[in-house]
Amino acid sequence: MVLTHIKAGGKERPFLFSYKAIRDLAKVDLSISDEMEVMSYLGFKYGAIKEGIEVDFNQEDVADWFEGDLPSFFEVVEVIKAMQPMLEKMQAPQNRQQRRSQKKTKA
């Protein structure tokens, strides 16, 4: 995971989509939340934490930043897309565990 800086909300902000961000994402009910919005928030949150900066924003703030600045949103999307192979590897064991649980339930 690479810490990068993205201009959003009027200033340069650290962005880190880390293991902890992925772990938190797995806990979110995506049927009521936008996945990219949640991923963006978590990346900025863990970037701030990594650099020892106060997390003085919430998920709605991040959505507002992007509303006025689509290039920032697209930059975040590119960072997350670059991490997609790693995300898939991390999800693979979880998917195998789900299939095992389903087999046990059917048996």
PDB file of N, CA and C in Angstrom:
ATOM      1  N   MET A   1       0.844  -1.159   0.000  1.00  0.00           N
ATOM      2  CA  MET A   1       0.000   0.000   0.000  1.00  0.00           C
ATOM      3  C   MET A   1       0.902   1.239   0.000  1.00  0.00           C
ATOM      4  N   VAL A   2       0.561   2.143  -0.858  1.00  0.00           N
ATOM      5  CA  VAL A   2       1.383   3.337  -1.005  1.00  0.00           C
ATOM      6  C   VAL A   2       0.596   4.555  -0.539  1.00  0.00           C
ATOM      7  N   LEU A   3       1.230   5.330   0.313  1.00  0.00           N
ATOM      8  CA  LEU A   3       0.637   6.582   0.760  1.00  0.00           C
ATOM      9  C   LEU A   3       0.838   7.600  -0.351  1.00  0.00           C
ATOM     10  N   THR A   4      -0.237   8.224  -0.768  1.00  0.00           N
ATOM     11  CA  THR A   4      -0.168   9.257  -1.792  1.00  0.00           C
ATOM     12  C   THR A   4      -0.887  10.488  -1.278  1.00  0.00           C
ATOM     13  N   HIS A   5      -0.732  11.586  -1.963  1.00  0.00           N
ATOM     14  CA  HIS A   5      -1.428  12.815  -1.571  1.00  0.00           C
ATOM     15  C   HIS A   5      -2.325  13.258  -2.720  1.00  0.00           C
ATOM     16  N   ILE A   6      -3.546  13.586  -2.389  1.00  0.00           N
ATOM     17  CA  ILE A   6      -4.551  13.984  -3.371  1.00  0.00           C
ATOM     18  C   ILE A   6      -5.168  15.297  -2.909  1.00  0.00           C
ATOM     19  N   LYS A   7      -5.284  16.245  -3.826  1.00  0.00           N
ATOM     20  CA  LYS A   7      -5.928  17.506  -3.473  1.00  0.00           C
ATOM     21  C   LYS A   7      -7.439  17.279  -3.446  1.00  0.00           C
ATOM     22  N   ALA A   8      -8.020  17.490  -2.281  1.00  0.00           N
ATOM     23  CA  ALA A   8      -9.460  17.302  -2.100  1.00  0.00           C
ATOM     24  C   ALA A   8      -9.920  18.190  -0.960  1.00  0.00           C
ATOM     25  N   GLY A   9     -11.080  18.760  -1.097  1.00  0.00           N
ATOM     26  CA  GLY A   9     -11.593  19.629  -0.046  1.00  0.00           C
ATOM     27  C   GLY A   9     -10.740  20.870   0.136  1.00  0.00           C
ATOM     28  N   GLY A  10     -10.094  21.305  -0.944  1.00  0.00           N
ATOM     29  CA  GLY A  10      -9.321  22.535  -0.904  1.00  0.00           C
ATOM     30  C   GLY A  10      -7.895  22.418  -0.398  1.00  0.00           C
ATOM     31  N   LYS A  11      -7.439  21.189  -0.102  1.00  0.00           N
ATOM     32  CA  LYS A  11      -6.049  21.038   0.343  1.00  0.00           C
ATOM     33  C   LYS A  11      -5.516  19.656  -0.005  1.00  0.00           C
ATOM     34  N   GLU A  12      -4.198  19.544   0.011  1.00  0.00           N
ATOM     35  CA  GLU A  12      -3.550  18.246  -0.211  1.00  0.00           C
ATOM     36  C   GLU A  12      -3.823  17.365   1.005  1.00  0.00           C
ATOM     37  N   ARG A  13      -4.284  16.153   0.734  1.00  0.00           N
ATOM     38  CA  ARG A  13      -4.603  15.234   1.828  1.00  0.00           C
ATOM     39  C   ARG A  13      -3.916  13.891   1.580  1.00  0.00           C
ATOM     40  N   PRO A  14      -3.417  13.271   2.638  1.00  0.00           N
ATOM     41  CA  PRO A  14      -2.843  11.934   2.483  1.00  0.00           C
ATOM     42  C   PRO A  14      -3.952  10.920   2.218  1.00  0.00           C
ATOM     43  N   PHE A  15      -3.663   9.953   1.355  1.00  0.00           N
ATOM     44  CA  PHE A  15      -4.624   8.913   1.001  1.00  0.00           C
ATOM     45  C   PHE A  15      -3.902   7.579   1.070  1.00  0.00           C
ATOM     46  N   LEU A  16      -4.455   6.661   1.859  1.00  0.00           N
ATOM     47  CA  LEU A  16      -3.856   5.340   2.030  1.00  0.00           C
ATOM     48  C   LEU A  16      -4.968   4.315   2.145  1.00  0.00           C
ATOM     49  N   PHE A  17      -5.142   3.527   1.098  1.00  0.00           N
ATOM     50  CA  PHE A  17      -6.135   2.464   1.179  1.00  0.00           C
ATOM     51  C   PHE A  17      -5.408   1.214   1.657  1.00  0.00           C
ATOM     52  N   SER A  18      -5.394   1.043   2.969  1.00  0.00           N
ATOM     53  CA  SER A  18      -4.592   0.034   3.656  1.00  0.00           C
ATOM     54  C   SER A  18      -5.421  -1.193   4.044  1.00  0.00           C
ATOM     55  N   TYR A  19      -4.732  -2.143   4.666  1.00  0.00           N
ATOM     56  CA  TYR A  19      -5.418  -3.328   5.188  1.00  0.00           C
ATOM     57  C   TYR A  19      -6.553  -2.935   6.126  1.00  0.00           C
ATOM     58  N   LYS A  20      -6.295  -1.955   6.991  1.00  0.00           N
ATOM     59  CA  LYS A  20      -7.337  -1.537   7.935  1.00  0.00           C
ATOM     60  C   LYS A  20      -8.531  -0.948   7.192  1.00  0.00           C
ATOM     61  N   ALA A  21      -8.278  -0.239   6.110  1.00  0.00           N
ATOM     62  CA  ALA A  21      -9.376   0.308   5.312  1.00  0.00           C
ATOM     63  C   ALA A  21     -10.193  -0.829   4.693  1.00  0.00           C
ATOM     64  N   ILE A  22      -9.493  -1.826   4.187  1.00  0.00           N
ATOM     65  CA  ILE A  22     -10.175  -2.979   3.586  1.00  0.00           C
ATOM     66  C   ILE A  22     -10.987  -3.715   4.645  1.00  0.00           C
ATOM     67  N   ARG A  23     -10.396  -3.877   5.819  1.00  0.00           N
ATOM     68  CA  ARG A  23     -11.102  -4.537   6.927  1.00  0.00           C
ATOM     69  C   ARG A  23     -12.375  -3.768   7.284  1.00  0.00           C
ATOM     70  N   ASP A  24     -12.262  -2.433   7.367  1.00  0.00           N
ATOM     71  CA  ASP A  24     -13.438  -1.617   7.677  1.00  0.00           C
ATOM     72  C   ASP A  24     -14.478  -1.688   6.571  1.00  0.00           C
ATOM     73  N   LEU A  25     -14.024  -1.727   5.334  1.00  0.00           N
ATOM     74  CA  LEU A  25     -14.947  -1.817   4.197  1.00  0.00           C
ATOM     75  C   LEU A  25     -15.786  -3.088   4.276  1.00  0.00           C
ATOM     76  N   ALA A  26     -15.165  -4.180   4.706  1.00  0.00           N
ATOM     77  CA  ALA A  26     -15.875  -5.456   4.806  1.00  0.00           C
ATOM     78  C   ALA A  26     -17.013  -5.405   5.819  1.00  0.00           C
ATOM     79  N   LYS A  27     -16.966  -4.456   6.746  1.00  0.00           N
ATOM     80  CA  LYS A  27     -17.990  -4.336   7.785  1.00  0.00           C
ATOM     81  C   LYS A  27     -19.166  -3.447   7.372  1.00  0.00           C
ATOM     82  N   VAL A  28     -19.038  -2.771   6.228  1.00  0.00           N
ATOM     83  CA  VAL A  28     -20.046  -1.796   5.809  1.00  0.00           C
ATOM     84  C   VAL A  28     -21.161  -2.489   5.033  1.00  0.00           C
ATOM     85  N   ASP A  29     -22.377  -2.121   5.324  1.00  0.00           N
ATOM     86  CA  ASP A  29     -23.539  -2.617   4.567  1.00  0.00           C
ATOM     87  C   ASP A  29     -23.632  -1.804   3.278  1.00  0.00           C
ATOM     88  N   LEU A  30     -23.130  -2.373   2.187  1.00  0.00           N
ATOM     89  CA  LEU A  30     -23.080  -1.636   0.925  1.00  0.00           C
ATOM     90  C   LEU A  30     -24.438  -1.545   0.242  1.00  0.00           C
ATOM     91  N   SER A  31     -25.448  -2.182   0.833  1.00  0.00           N
ATOM     92  CA  SER A  31     -26.789  -2.029   0.264  1.00  0.00           C
ATOM     93  C   SER A  31     -27.355  -0.647   0.602  1.00  0.00           C
ATOM     94  N   ILE A  32     -26.766   0.027   1.597  1.00  0.00           N
ATOM     95  CA  ILE A  32     -27.246   1.365   1.962  1.00  0.00           C
ATOM     96  C   ILE A  32     -26.167   2.431   1.795  1.00  0.00           C
ATOM     97  N   SER A  33     -24.968   2.037   1.348  1.00  0.00           N
ATOM     98  CA  SER A  33     -23.868   2.990   1.165  1.00  0.00           C
ATOM     99  C   SER A  33     -23.248   2.793  -0.209  1.00  0.00           C
ATOM    100  N   ASP A  34     -22.716   3.872  -0.770  1.00  0.00           N
ATOM    101  CA  ASP A  34     -22.019   3.808  -2.042  1.00  0.00           C
ATOM    102  C   ASP A  34     -20.602   3.298  -1.801  1.00  0.00           C
ATOM    103  N   GLU A  35     -20.241   2.212  -2.447  1.00  0.00           N
ATOM    104  CA  GLU A  35     -18.943   1.575  -2.205  1.00  0.00           C
ATOM    105  C   GLU A  35     -17.771   2.514  -2.478  1.00  0.00           C
ATOM    106  N   MET A  36     -17.786   3.230  -3.591  1.00  0.00           N
ATOM    107  CA  MET A  36     -16.669   4.108  -3.914  1.00  0.00           C
ATOM    108  C   MET A  36     -16.567   5.264  -2.913  1.00  0.00           C
ATOM    109  N   GLU A  37     -17.709   5.753  -2.465  1.00  0.00           N
ATOM    110  CA  GLU A  37     -17.708   6.821  -1.467  1.00  0.00           C
ATOM    111  C   GLU A  37     -17.101   6.332  -0.155  1.00  0.00           C
ATOM    112  N   VAL A  38     -17.478   5.132   0.259  1.00  0.00           N
ATOM    113  CA  VAL A  38     -16.940   4.546   1.490  1.00  0.00           C
ATOM    114  C   VAL A  38     -15.440   4.302   1.338  1.00  0.00           C
ATOM    115  N   MET A  39     -15.028   3.737   0.205  1.00  0.00           N
ATOM    116  CA  MET A  39     -13.611   3.460  -0.028  1.00  0.00           C
ATOM    117  C   MET A  39     -12.801   4.760  -0.020  1.00  0.00           C
ATOM    118  N   SER A  40     -13.352   5.802  -0.610  1.00  0.00           N
ATOM    119  CA  SER A  40     -12.664   7.097  -0.643  1.00  0.00           C
ATOM    120  C   SER A  40     -12.492   7.645   0.767  1.00  0.00           C
ATOM    121  N   TYR A  41     -13.570   7.627   1.520  1.00  0.00           N
ATOM    122  CA  TYR A  41     -13.506   8.111   2.906  1.00  0.00           C
ATOM    123  C   TYR A  41     -12.458   7.341   3.705  1.00  0.00           C
ATOM    124  N   LEU A  42     -12.478   6.008   3.593  1.00  0.00           N
ATOM    125  CA  LEU A  42     -11.542   5.190   4.356  1.00  0.00           C
ATOM    126  C   LEU A  42     -10.095   5.464   3.941  1.00  0.00           C
ATOM    127  N   GLY A  43      -9.870   5.689   2.650  1.00  0.00           N
ATOM    128  CA  GLY A  43      -8.520   6.009   2.185  1.00  0.00           C
ATOM    129  C   GLY A  43      -8.014   7.316   2.771  1.00  0.00           C
ATOM    130  N   PHE A  44      -8.870   8.340   2.774  1.00  0.00           N
ATOM    131  CA  PHE A  44      -8.461   9.614   3.373  1.00  0.00           C
ATOM    132  C   PHE A  44      -8.313   9.492   4.889  1.00  0.00           C
ATOM    133  N   LYS A  45      -9.206   8.720   5.504  1.00  0.00           N
ATOM    134  CA  LYS A  45      -9.136   8.533   6.963  1.00  0.00           C
ATOM    135  C   LYS A  45      -7.808   7.886   7.356  1.00  0.00           C
ATOM    136  N   TYR A  46      -7.468   6.767   6.699  1.00  0.00           N
ATOM    137  CA  TYR A  46      -6.244   6.064   7.083  1.00  0.00           C
ATOM    138  C   TYR A  46      -4.989   6.787   6.605  1.00  0.00           C
ATOM    139  N   GLY A  47      -5.090   7.605   5.574  1.00  0.00           N
ATOM    140  CA  GLY A  47      -3.973   8.462   5.195  1.00  0.00           C
ATOM    141  C   GLY A  47      -3.694   9.480   6.293  1.00  0.00           C
ATOM    142  N   ALA A  48      -4.760  10.090   6.807  1.00  0.00           N
ATOM    143  CA  ALA A  48      -4.609  11.072   7.889  1.00  0.00           C
ATOM    144  C   ALA A  48      -4.030  10.411   9.136  1.00  0.00           C
ATOM    145  N   ILE A  49      -4.552   9.252   9.481  1.00  0.00           N
ATOM    146  CA  ILE A  49      -4.051   8.539  10.661  1.00  0.00           C
ATOM    147  C   ILE A  49      -2.573   8.204  10.500  1.00  0.00           C
ATOM    148  N   LYS A  50      -2.196   7.730   9.322  1.00  0.00           N
ATOM    149  CA  LYS A  50      -0.799   7.367   9.066  1.00  0.00           C
ATOM    150  C   LYS A  50       0.131   8.569   9.265  1.00  0.00           C
ATOM    151  N   GLU A  51      -0.326   9.749   8.860  1.00  0.00           N
ATOM    152  CA  GLU A  51       0.506  10.941   8.987  1.00  0.00           C
ATOM    153  C   GLU A  51       0.296  11.696  10.301  1.00  0.00           C
ATOM    154  N   GLY A  52      -0.536  11.135  11.175  1.00  0.00           N
ATOM    155  CA  GLY A  52      -0.751  11.760  12.476  1.00  0.00           C
ATOM    156  C   GLY A  52      -1.579  13.035  12.410  1.00  0.00           C
ATOM    157  N   ILE A  53      -2.434  13.104  11.402  1.00  0.00           N
ATOM    158  CA  ILE A  53      -3.297  14.270  11.211  1.00  0.00           C
ATOM    159  C   ILE A  53      -4.688  13.948  11.748  1.00  0.00           C
ATOM    160  N   GLU A  54      -5.315  14.915  12.362  1.00  0.00           N
ATOM    161  CA  GLU A  54      -6.671  14.728  12.874  1.00  0.00           C
ATOM    162  C   GLU A  54      -7.633  14.430  11.722  1.00  0.00           C
ATOM    163  N   VAL A  55      -8.494  13.454  11.916  1.00  0.00           N
ATOM    164  CA  VAL A  55      -9.542  13.144  10.940  1.00  0.00           C
ATOM    165  C   VAL A  55     -10.699  14.093  11.245  1.00  0.00           C
ATOM    166  N   ASP A  56     -10.707  15.216  10.548  1.00  0.00           N
ATOM    167  CA  ASP A  56     -11.694  16.273  10.812  1.00  0.00           C
ATOM    168  C   ASP A  56     -12.763  16.320   9.727  1.00  0.00           C
ATOM    169  N   PHE A  57     -13.072  15.160   9.163  1.00  0.00           N
ATOM    170  CA  PHE A  57     -14.059  15.053   8.097  1.00  0.00           C
ATOM    171  C   PHE A  57     -14.789  13.723   8.246  1.00  0.00           C
ATOM    172  N   ASN A  58     -15.918  13.620   7.569  1.00  0.00           N
ATOM    173  CA  ASN A  58     -16.670  12.367   7.578  1.00  0.00           C
ATOM    174  C   ASN A  58     -16.969  11.954   6.130  1.00  0.00           C
ATOM    175  N   GLN A  59     -17.674  10.868   5.978  1.00  0.00           N
ATOM    176  CA  GLN A  59     -17.954  10.347   4.643  1.00  0.00           C
ATOM    177  C   GLN A  59     -18.737  11.355   3.797  1.00  0.00           C
ATOM    178  N   GLU A  60     -19.660  12.045   4.397  1.00  0.00           N
ATOM    179  CA  GLU A  60     -20.456  13.038   3.666  1.00  0.00           C
ATOM    180  C   GLU A  60     -19.575  14.196   3.189  1.00  0.00           C
ATOM    181  N   ASP A  61     -18.599  14.591   4.008  1.00  0.00           N
ATOM    182  CA  ASP A  61     -17.656  15.638   3.595  1.00  0.00           C
ATOM    183  C   ASP A  61     -16.900  15.213   2.341  1.00  0.00           C
ATOM    184  N   VAL A  62     -16.448  13.966   2.317  1.00  0.00           N
ATOM    185  CA  VAL A  62     -15.707  13.469   1.158  1.00  0.00           C
ATOM    186  C   VAL A  62     -16.589  13.526  -0.090  1.00  0.00           C
ATOM    187  N   ALA A  63     -17.849  13.131   0.037  1.00  0.00           N
ATOM    188  CA  ALA A  63     -18.773  13.210  -1.093  1.00  0.00           C
ATOM    189  C   ALA A  63     -18.920  14.661  -1.556  1.00  0.00           C
ATOM    190  N   ASP A  64     -18.982  15.593  -0.619  1.00  0.00           N
ATOM    191  CA  ASP A  64     -19.079  17.014  -0.973  1.00  0.00           C
ATOM    192  C   ASP A  64     -17.826  17.500  -1.689  1.00  0.00           C
ATOM    193  N   TRP A  65     -16.646  17.028  -1.263  1.00  0.00           N
ATOM    194  CA  TRP A  65     -15.413  17.423  -1.951  1.00  0.00           C
ATOM    195  C   TRP A  65     -15.478  17.025  -3.418  1.00  0.00           C
ATOM    196  N   PHE A  66     -15.930  15.816  -3.667  1.00  0.00           N
ATOM    197  CA  PHE A  66     -15.971  15.303  -5.036  1.00  0.00           C
ATOM    198  C   PHE A  66     -17.050  15.984  -5.869  1.00  0.00           C
ATOM    199  N   GLU A  67     -18.121  16.408  -5.226  1.00  0.00           N
ATOM    200  CA  GLU A  67     -19.200  17.091  -5.936  1.00  0.00           C
ATOM    201  C   GLU A  67     -18.658  18.325  -6.656  1.00  0.00           C
ATOM    202  N   GLY A  68     -17.735  19.021  -6.016  1.00  0.00           N
ATOM    203  CA  GLY A  68     -17.178  20.223  -6.614  1.00  0.00           C
ATOM    204  C   GLY A  68     -15.860  20.018  -7.336  1.00  0.00           C
ATOM    205  N   ASP A  69     -15.340  18.771  -7.323  1.00  0.00           N
ATOM    206  CA  ASP A  69     -14.015  18.532  -7.880  1.00  0.00           C
ATOM    207  C   ASP A  69     -13.898  17.097  -8.399  1.00  0.00           C
ATOM    208  N   LEU A  70     -14.471  16.843  -9.566  1.00  0.00           N
ATOM    209  CA  LEU A  70     -14.430  15.487 -10.116  1.00  0.00           C
ATOM    210  C   LEU A  70     -13.018  14.980 -10.407  1.00  0.00           C
ATOM    211  N   PRO A  71     -12.063  15.839 -10.809  1.00  0.00           N
ATOM    212  CA  PRO A  71     -10.709  15.308 -11.019  1.00  0.00           C
ATOM    213  C   PRO A  71     -10.126  14.636  -9.764  1.00  0.00           C
ATOM    214  N   SER A  72     -10.432  15.158  -8.594  1.00  0.00           N
ATOM    215  CA  SER A  72      -9.980  14.514  -7.359  1.00  0.00           C
ATOM    216  C   SER A  72     -10.605  13.135  -7.211  1.00  0.00           C
ATOM    217  N   PHE A  73     -11.889  13.050  -7.524  1.00  0.00           N
ATOM    218  CA  PHE A  73     -12.579  11.763  -7.460  1.00  0.00           C
ATOM    219  C   PHE A  73     -11.916  10.760  -8.402  1.00  0.00           C
ATOM    220  N   PHE A  74     -11.630  11.198  -9.631  1.00  0.00           N
ATOM    221  CA  PHE A  74     -11.021  10.290 -10.601  1.00  0.00           C
ATOM    222  C   PHE A  74      -9.613   9.864 -10.170  1.00  0.00           C
ATOM    223  N   GLU A  75      -8.905  10.735  -9.480  1.00  0.00           N
ATOM    224  CA  GLU A  75      -7.580  10.373  -8.964  1.00  0.00           C
ATOM    225  C   GLU A  75      -7.708   9.281  -7.904  1.00  0.00           C
ATOM    226  N   VAL A  76      -8.688   9.416  -7.029  1.00  0.00           N
ATOM    227  CA  VAL A  76      -8.938   8.385  -6.013  1.00  0.00           C
ATOM    228  C   VAL A  76      -9.306   7.068  -6.688  1.00  0.00           C
ATOM    229  N   VAL A  77     -10.160   7.135  -7.690  1.00  0.00           N
ATOM    230  CA  VAL A  77     -10.567   5.923  -8.411  1.00  0.00           C
ATOM    231  C   VAL A  77      -9.344   5.222  -8.997  1.00  0.00           C
ATOM    232  N   GLU A  78      -8.432   5.980  -9.578  1.00  0.00           N
ATOM    233  CA  GLU A  78      -7.223   5.385 -10.167  1.00  0.00           C
ATOM    234  C   GLU A  78      -6.361   4.707  -9.106  1.00  0.00           C
ATOM    235  N   VAL A  79      -6.216   5.326  -7.951  1.00  0.00           N
ATOM    236  CA  VAL A  79      -5.428   4.727  -6.862  1.00  0.00           C
ATOM    237  C   VAL A  79      -6.076   3.410  -6.429  1.00  0.00           C
ATOM    238  N   ILE A  80      -7.373   3.415  -6.276  1.00  0.00           N
ATOM    239  CA  ILE A  80      -8.080   2.205  -5.837  1.00  0.00           C
ATOM    240  C   ILE A  80      -8.023   1.131  -6.922  1.00  0.00           C
ATOM    241  N   LYS A  81      -8.167   1.516  -8.186  1.00  0.00           N
ATOM    242  CA  LYS A  81      -8.082   0.543  -9.290  1.00  0.00           C
ATOM    243  C   LYS A  81      -6.709  -0.116  -9.330  1.00  0.00           C
ATOM    244  N   ALA A  82      -5.663   0.653  -9.047  1.00  0.00           N
ATOM    245  CA  ALA A  82      -4.309   0.102  -9.048  1.00  0.00           C
ATOM    246  C   ALA A  82      -4.151  -0.957  -7.965  1.00  0.00           C
ATOM    247  N   MET A  83      -4.974  -0.879  -6.931  1.00  0.00           N
ATOM    248  CA  MET A  83      -4.910  -1.828  -5.830  1.00  0.00           C
ATOM    249  C   MET A  83      -5.848  -3.021  -6.030  1.00  0.00           C
ATOM    250  N   GLN A  84      -6.627  -3.030  -7.085  1.00  0.00           N
ATOM    251  CA  GLN A  84      -7.637  -4.065  -7.304  1.00  0.00           C
ATOM    252  C   GLN A  84      -7.075  -5.494  -7.228  1.00  0.00           C
ATOM    253  N   PRO A  85      -5.923  -5.786  -7.852  1.00  0.00           N
ATOM    254  CA  PRO A  85      -5.410  -7.157  -7.732  1.00  0.00           C
ATOM    255  C   PRO A  85      -5.162  -7.572  -6.282  1.00  0.00           C
ATOM    256  N   MET A  86      -4.662  -6.642  -5.465  1.00  0.00           N
ATOM    257  CA  MET A  86      -4.425  -6.944  -4.054  1.00  0.00           C
ATOM    258  C   MET A  86      -5.749  -7.164  -3.325  1.00  0.00           C
ATOM    259  N   LEU A  87      -6.747  -6.345  -3.643  1.00  0.00           N
ATOM    260  CA  LEU A  87      -8.057  -6.504  -3.010  1.00  0.00           C
ATOM    261  C   LEU A  87      -8.652  -7.866  -3.334  1.00  0.00           C
ATOM    262  N   GLU A  88      -8.508  -8.297  -4.577  1.00  0.00           N
ATOM    263  CA  GLU A  88      -9.048  -9.592  -4.984  1.00  0.00           C
ATOM    264  C   GLU A  88      -8.352 -10.728  -4.253  1.00  0.00           C
ATOM    265  N   LYS A  89      -7.036 -10.619  -4.065  1.00  0.00           N
ATOM    266  CA  LYS A  89      -6.310 -11.655  -3.330  1.00  0.00           C
ATOM    267  C   LYS A  89      -6.780 -11.718  -1.886  1.00  0.00           C
ATOM    268  N   MET A  90      -7.043 -10.561  -1.304  1.00  0.00           N
ATOM    269  CA  MET A  90      -7.488 -10.538   0.086  1.00  0.00           C
ATOM    270  C   MET A  90      -8.903 -11.089   0.227  1.00  0.00           C
ATOM    271  N   GLN A  91      -9.726 -10.912  -0.801  1.00  0.00           N
ATOM    272  CA  GLN A  91     -11.098 -11.391  -0.741  1.00  0.00           C
ATOM    273  C   GLN A  91     -11.190 -12.875  -1.054  1.00  0.00           C
ATOM    274  N   ALA A  92     -10.218 -13.426  -1.766  1.00  0.00           N
ATOM    275  CA  ALA A  92     -10.265 -14.837  -2.164  1.00  0.00           C
ATOM    276  C   ALA A  92     -10.394 -15.773  -0.973  1.00  0.00           C
ATOM    277  N   PRO A  93      -9.582 -15.657   0.079  1.00  0.00           N
ATOM    278  CA  PRO A  93      -9.759 -16.556   1.226  1.00  0.00           C
ATOM    279  C   PRO A  93     -11.139 -16.402   1.870  1.00  0.00           C
ATOM    280  N   GLN A  94     -11.637 -15.188   1.914  1.00  0.00           N
ATOM    281  CA  GLN A  94     -12.960 -14.955   2.489  1.00  0.00           C
ATOM    282  C   GLN A  94     -14.021 -15.657   1.640  1.00  0.00           C
ATOM    283  N   ASN A  95     -13.886 -15.593   0.322  1.00  0.00           N
ATOM    284  CA  ASN A  95     -14.837 -16.252  -0.566  1.00  0.00           C
ATOM    285  C   ASN A  95     -14.769 -17.767  -0.407  1.00  0.00           C
ATOM    286  N   ARG A  96     -13.555 -18.312  -0.240  1.00  0.00           N
ATOM    287  CA  ARG A  96     -13.425 -19.754  -0.020  1.00  0.00           C
ATOM    288  C   ARG A  96     -14.114 -20.152   1.272  1.00  0.00           C
ATOM    289  N   GLN A  97     -13.953 -19.353   2.319  1.00  0.00           N
ATOM    290  CA  GLN A  97     -14.591 -19.647   3.599  1.00  0.00           C
ATOM    291  C   GLN A  97     -16.112 -19.613   3.461  1.00  0.00           C
ATOM    292  N   GLN A  98     -16.637 -18.666   2.696  1.00  0.00           N
ATOM    293  CA  GLN A  98     -18.080 -18.591   2.483  1.00  0.00           C
ATOM    294  C   GLN A  98     -18.588 -19.840   1.765  1.00  0.00           C
ATOM    295  N   ARG A  99     -17.838 -20.302   0.762  1.00  0.00           N
ATOM    296  CA  ARG A  99     -18.254 -21.510   0.035  1.00  0.00           C
ATOM    297  C   ARG A  99     -18.237 -22.730   0.951  1.00  0.00           C
ATOM    298  N   ARG A 100     -17.233 -22.822   1.816  1.00  0.00           N
ATOM    299  CA  ARG A 100     -17.171 -23.948   2.768  1.00  0.00           C
ATOM    300  C   ARG A 100     -18.368 -23.914   3.705  1.00  0.00           C
ATOM    301  N   SER A 101     -18.726 -22.721   4.180  1.00  0.00           N
ATOM    302  CA  SER A 101     -19.864 -22.589   5.072  1.00  0.00           C
ATOM    303  C   SER A 101     -21.146 -22.990   4.371  1.00  0.00           C
ATOM    304  N   GLN A 102     -21.278 -22.624   3.101  1.00  0.00           N
ATOM    305  CA  GLN A 102     -22.478 -22.976   2.347  1.00  0.00           C
ATOM    306  C   GLN A 102     -22.557 -24.484   2.146  1.00  0.00           C
ATOM    307  N   LYS A 103     -21.415 -25.139   1.907  1.00  0.00           N
ATOM    308  CA  LYS A 103     -21.407 -26.587   1.726  1.00  0.00           C
ATOM    309  C   LYS A 103     -21.829 -27.271   3.022  1.00  0.00           C
ATOM    310  N   LYS A 104     -21.338 -26.784   4.158  1.00  0.00           N
ATOM    311  CA  LYS A 104     -21.699 -27.377   5.446  1.00  0.00           C
ATOM    312  C   LYS A 104     -23.184 -27.230   5.710  1.00  0.00           C
ATOM    313  N   THR A 105     -23.740 -26.086   5.313  1.00  0.00           N
ATOM    314  CA  THR A 105     -25.164 -25.825   5.532  1.00  0.00           C
ATOM    315  C   THR A 105     -26.016 -26.768   4.674  1.00  0.00           C
ATOM    316  N   LYS A 106     -25.581 -27.041   3.453  1.00  0.00           N
ATOM    317  CA  LYS A 106     -26.330 -27.915   2.535  1.00  0.00           C
ATOM    318  C   LYS A 106     -26.247 -29.367   2.967  1.00  0.00           C
ATOM    319  N   ALA A 107     -25.153 -29.745   3.618  1.00  0.00           N
ATOM    320  CA  ALA A 107     -24.942 -31.147   3.988  1.00  0.00           C
ATOM    321  C   ALA A 107     -25.842 -31.598   5.106  1.00  0.00           C
TER     322      ALA A 107
END
